[in-house]
Amino acid sequence: MARLDMDELRNLDEEELAYRLNNVKEELFNLRFQKSIGQLEDYNRLRELKRNVARIKTVQSQRRLAARIAEEEQGNAQ
């Protein structure tokens, strides 16, 4: 999986985001394991995957915040 585009991530539903996060974390785990035993060849991939995790978590956090704000506004309107 290459660098994830933020616009692409924002267009995904929650289930797909969670699925992608799980896949990226799994690949990151495998690369860290390879690094620990000295078999890792592409160290830049570690950095890329960590940033992809951050991108996905950012989108999830933005959605939670937007939902919380909408909920509070709805509660204030009543």
N, C-alpha and C. Protein backbone atom coordinates (compact mmCIF):
# COMPACT_ATOMS: atom_id res chain seq x y z
N MET A 1 0.84 -1.17 0.00
CA MET A 1 0.00 0.00 0.00
C MET A 1 0.89 1.24 0.00
N ALA A 2 0.65 2.09 -0.92
CA ALA A 2 1.45 3.31 -1.05
C ALA A 2 0.92 4.39 -0.11
N ARG A 3 1.46 5.57 -0.27
CA ARG A 3 1.03 6.70 0.54
C ARG A 3 -0.46 6.91 0.35
N LEU A 4 -1.17 7.07 1.45
CA LEU A 4 -2.61 7.24 1.39
C LEU A 4 -2.94 8.71 1.21
N ASP A 5 -3.88 8.99 0.34
CA ASP A 5 -4.32 10.34 0.07
C ASP A 5 -5.44 10.70 1.05
N MET A 6 -5.36 11.88 1.66
CA MET A 6 -6.33 12.29 2.66
C MET A 6 -7.73 12.40 2.06
N ASP A 7 -7.85 12.89 0.84
CA ASP A 7 -9.17 13.00 0.22
C ASP A 7 -9.79 11.62 0.03
N GLU A 8 -8.96 10.67 -0.36
CA GLU A 8 -9.44 9.29 -0.53
C GLU A 8 -9.92 8.74 0.81
N LEU A 9 -9.16 8.99 1.86
CA LEU A 9 -9.52 8.48 3.18
C LEU A 9 -10.81 9.11 3.68
N ARG A 10 -11.00 10.38 3.43
CA ARG A 10 -12.21 11.07 3.89
C ARG A 10 -13.46 10.56 3.20
N ASN A 11 -13.32 9.96 2.03
CA ASN A 11 -14.46 9.44 1.29
C ASN A 11 -14.83 8.01 1.69
N LEU A 12 -14.03 7.39 2.55
CA LEU A 12 -14.30 6.02 2.97
C LEU A 12 -15.25 6.01 4.17
N ASP A 13 -16.00 4.90 4.32
CA ASP A 13 -16.85 4.78 5.50
C ASP A 13 -16.01 4.26 6.68
N GLU A 14 -16.62 4.23 7.85
CA GLU A 14 -15.90 3.86 9.07
C GLU A 14 -15.34 2.44 9.01
N GLU A 15 -16.10 1.53 8.46
CA GLU A 15 -15.65 0.15 8.39
C GLU A 15 -14.42 0.01 7.50
N GLU A 16 -14.43 0.69 6.36
CA GLU A 16 -13.28 0.62 5.45
C GLU A 16 -12.05 1.27 6.07
N LEU A 17 -12.26 2.37 6.80
CA LEU A 17 -11.13 3.01 7.49
C LEU A 17 -10.53 2.07 8.53
N ALA A 18 -11.39 1.43 9.30
CA ALA A 18 -10.90 0.49 10.32
C ALA A 18 -10.16 -0.68 9.67
N TYR A 19 -10.68 -1.16 8.55
CA TYR A 19 -10.04 -2.26 7.82
C TYR A 19 -8.66 -1.85 7.34
N ARG A 20 -8.57 -0.65 6.75
CA ARG A 20 -7.27 -0.18 6.26
C ARG A 20 -6.29 0.05 7.40
N LEU A 21 -6.78 0.59 8.51
CA LEU A 21 -5.91 0.80 9.67
C LEU A 21 -5.36 -0.52 10.16
N ASN A 22 -6.21 -1.53 10.22
CA ASN A 22 -5.77 -2.85 10.66
C ASN A 22 -4.70 -3.41 9.72
N ASN A 23 -4.90 -3.27 8.42
CA ASN A 23 -3.93 -3.77 7.45
C ASN A 23 -2.59 -3.05 7.56
N VAL A 24 -2.64 -1.74 7.71
CA VAL A 24 -1.40 -0.96 7.81
C VAL A 24 -0.66 -1.33 9.09
N LYS A 25 -1.39 -1.47 10.20
CA LYS A 25 -0.75 -1.84 11.46
C LYS A 25 -0.13 -3.23 11.38
N GLU A 26 -0.81 -4.14 10.70
CA GLU A 26 -0.28 -5.49 10.55
C GLU A 26 1.02 -5.47 9.73
N GLU A 27 1.01 -4.72 8.64
CA GLU A 27 2.22 -4.62 7.81
C GLU A 27 3.35 -3.95 8.59
N LEU A 28 3.01 -2.93 9.37
CA LEU A 28 4.00 -2.24 10.19
C LEU A 28 4.61 -3.20 11.21
N PHE A 29 3.78 -4.03 11.83
CA PHE A 29 4.27 -5.02 12.78
C PHE A 29 5.26 -5.96 12.11
N ASN A 30 4.89 -6.44 10.93
CA ASN A 30 5.77 -7.37 10.21
C ASN A 30 7.10 -6.73 9.85
N LEU A 31 7.07 -5.47 9.43
CA LEU A 31 8.32 -4.78 9.09
C LEU A 31 9.18 -4.54 10.33
N ARG A 32 8.54 -4.22 11.44
CA ARG A 32 9.31 -4.04 12.69
C ARG A 32 9.96 -5.35 13.11
N PHE A 33 9.25 -6.44 12.91
CA PHE A 33 9.82 -7.75 13.22
C PHE A 33 11.02 -8.02 12.32
N GLN A 34 10.88 -7.74 11.03
CA GLN A 34 12.00 -7.93 10.10
C GLN A 34 13.19 -7.07 10.51
N LYS A 35 12.91 -5.86 10.96
CA LYS A 35 13.99 -4.96 11.39
C LYS A 35 14.72 -5.54 12.60
N SER A 36 13.96 -6.10 13.53
CA SER A 36 14.58 -6.62 14.74
C SER A 36 15.49 -7.81 14.48
N ILE A 37 15.20 -8.58 13.43
CA ILE A 37 16.05 -9.74 13.12
C ILE A 37 17.04 -9.43 11.99
N GLY A 38 17.06 -8.17 11.57
CA GLY A 38 18.05 -7.75 10.59
C GLY A 38 17.76 -8.09 9.15
N GLN A 39 16.49 -8.33 8.82
CA GLN A 39 16.14 -8.70 7.45
C GLN A 39 15.45 -7.57 6.68
N LEU A 40 15.24 -6.44 7.31
CA LEU A 40 14.53 -5.35 6.65
C LEU A 40 15.42 -4.67 5.62
N GLU A 41 14.89 -4.51 4.42
CA GLU A 41 15.66 -3.88 3.35
C GLU A 41 15.23 -2.44 3.09
N ASP A 42 13.94 -2.15 3.27
CA ASP A 42 13.41 -0.82 2.95
C ASP A 42 12.97 -0.11 4.23
N TYR A 43 13.91 0.62 4.83
CA TYR A 43 13.62 1.33 6.08
C TYR A 43 12.65 2.49 5.87
N ASN A 44 12.59 3.02 4.67
CA ASN A 44 11.67 4.11 4.39
C ASN A 44 10.22 3.65 4.48
N ARG A 45 9.99 2.38 4.24
CA ARG A 45 8.63 1.85 4.30
C ARG A 45 8.07 1.95 5.72
N LEU A 46 8.92 1.79 6.73
CA LEU A 46 8.48 1.95 8.12
C LEU A 46 7.92 3.35 8.34
N ARG A 47 8.65 4.33 7.89
CA ARG A 47 8.24 5.72 8.05
C ARG A 47 6.92 5.98 7.32
N GLU A 48 6.82 5.46 6.12
CA GLU A 48 5.62 5.63 5.31
C GLU A 48 4.39 5.02 6.00
N LEU A 49 4.56 3.82 6.55
CA LEU A 49 3.45 3.16 7.21
C LEU A 49 3.03 3.88 8.48
N LYS A 50 4.00 4.37 9.23
CA LYS A 50 3.66 5.12 10.45
C LYS A 50 2.87 6.37 10.11
N ARG A 51 3.22 7.00 9.02
CA ARG A 51 2.48 8.19 8.60
C ARG A 51 1.09 7.82 8.10
N ASN A 52 0.96 6.67 7.45
CA ASN A 52 -0.36 6.22 7.02
C ASN A 52 -1.27 5.95 8.21
N VAL A 53 -0.71 5.36 9.26
CA VAL A 53 -1.49 5.14 10.48
C VAL A 53 -1.96 6.48 11.03
N ALA A 54 -1.08 7.45 11.06
CA ALA A 54 -1.44 8.78 11.57
C ALA A 54 -2.51 9.42 10.70
N ARG A 55 -2.43 9.25 9.41
CA ARG A 55 -3.44 9.84 8.51
C ARG A 55 -4.82 9.23 8.77
N ILE A 56 -4.87 7.92 8.90
CA ILE A 56 -6.14 7.25 9.14
C ILE A 56 -6.71 7.66 10.50
N LYS A 57 -5.87 7.69 11.52
CA LYS A 57 -6.34 8.09 12.85
C LYS A 57 -6.79 9.54 12.87
N THR A 58 -6.16 10.39 12.07
CA THR A 58 -6.58 11.79 11.99
C THR A 58 -7.99 11.90 11.42
N VAL A 59 -8.28 11.16 10.37
CA VAL A 59 -9.61 11.19 9.76
C VAL A 59 -10.64 10.65 10.76
N GLN A 60 -10.31 9.57 11.45
CA GLN A 60 -11.24 9.03 12.44
C GLN A 60 -11.50 10.04 13.56
N SER A 61 -10.46 10.70 14.01
CA SER A 61 -10.60 11.69 15.07
C SER A 61 -11.44 12.88 14.60
N GLN A 62 -11.22 13.33 13.39
CA GLN A 62 -12.00 14.44 12.84
C GLN A 62 -13.48 14.09 12.78
N ARG A 63 -13.78 12.86 12.42
CA ARG A 63 -15.18 12.42 12.35
C ARG A 63 -15.81 12.36 13.73
N ARG A 64 -15.07 11.85 14.72
CA ARG A 64 -15.60 11.80 16.08
C ARG A 64 -15.88 13.20 16.60
N LEU A 65 -14.97 14.11 16.34
CA LEU A 65 -15.13 15.49 16.78
C LEU A 65 -16.33 16.14 16.10
N ALA A 66 -16.47 15.93 14.80
CA ALA A 66 -17.61 16.50 14.07
C ALA A 66 -18.92 15.94 14.59
N ALA A 67 -18.96 14.66 14.91
CA ALA A 67 -20.18 14.04 15.45
C ALA A 67 -20.50 14.61 16.83
N ARG A 68 -19.48 14.81 17.65
CA ARG A 68 -19.69 15.36 18.98
C ARG A 68 -20.20 16.80 18.90
N ILE A 69 -19.65 17.59 18.00
CA ILE A 69 -20.10 18.98 17.82
C ILE A 69 -21.54 19.00 17.33
N ALA A 70 -21.87 18.14 16.37
CA ALA A 70 -23.24 18.09 15.85
C ALA A 70 -24.22 17.68 16.95
N GLU A 71 -23.80 16.74 17.79
CA GLU A 71 -24.64 16.29 18.88
C GLU A 71 -24.88 17.41 19.89
N GLU A 72 -23.84 18.16 20.20
CA GLU A 72 -23.97 19.26 21.14
C GLU A 72 -24.85 20.37 20.57
N GLU A 73 -24.70 20.64 19.27
CA GLU A 73 -25.54 21.68 18.64
C GLU A 73 -27.00 21.23 18.61
N GLN A 74 -27.24 19.98 18.38
CA GLN A 74 -28.59 19.47 18.36
C GLN A 74 -29.21 19.55 19.77
N GLY A 75 -28.40 19.26 20.78
CA GLY A 75 -28.88 19.36 22.16
C GLY A 75 -29.16 20.79 22.56
N ASN A 76 -28.37 21.75 22.08
CA ASN A 76 -28.58 23.16 22.40
C ASN A 76 -29.79 23.72 21.67
N ALA A 77 -30.14 23.16 20.52
CA ALA A 77 -31.26 23.67 19.73
C ALA A 77 -32.59 23.32 20.37
N GLN A 78 -32.60 22.28 21.18
CA GLN A 78 -33.86 21.84 21.79
C GLN A 78 -34.16 22.58 23.01
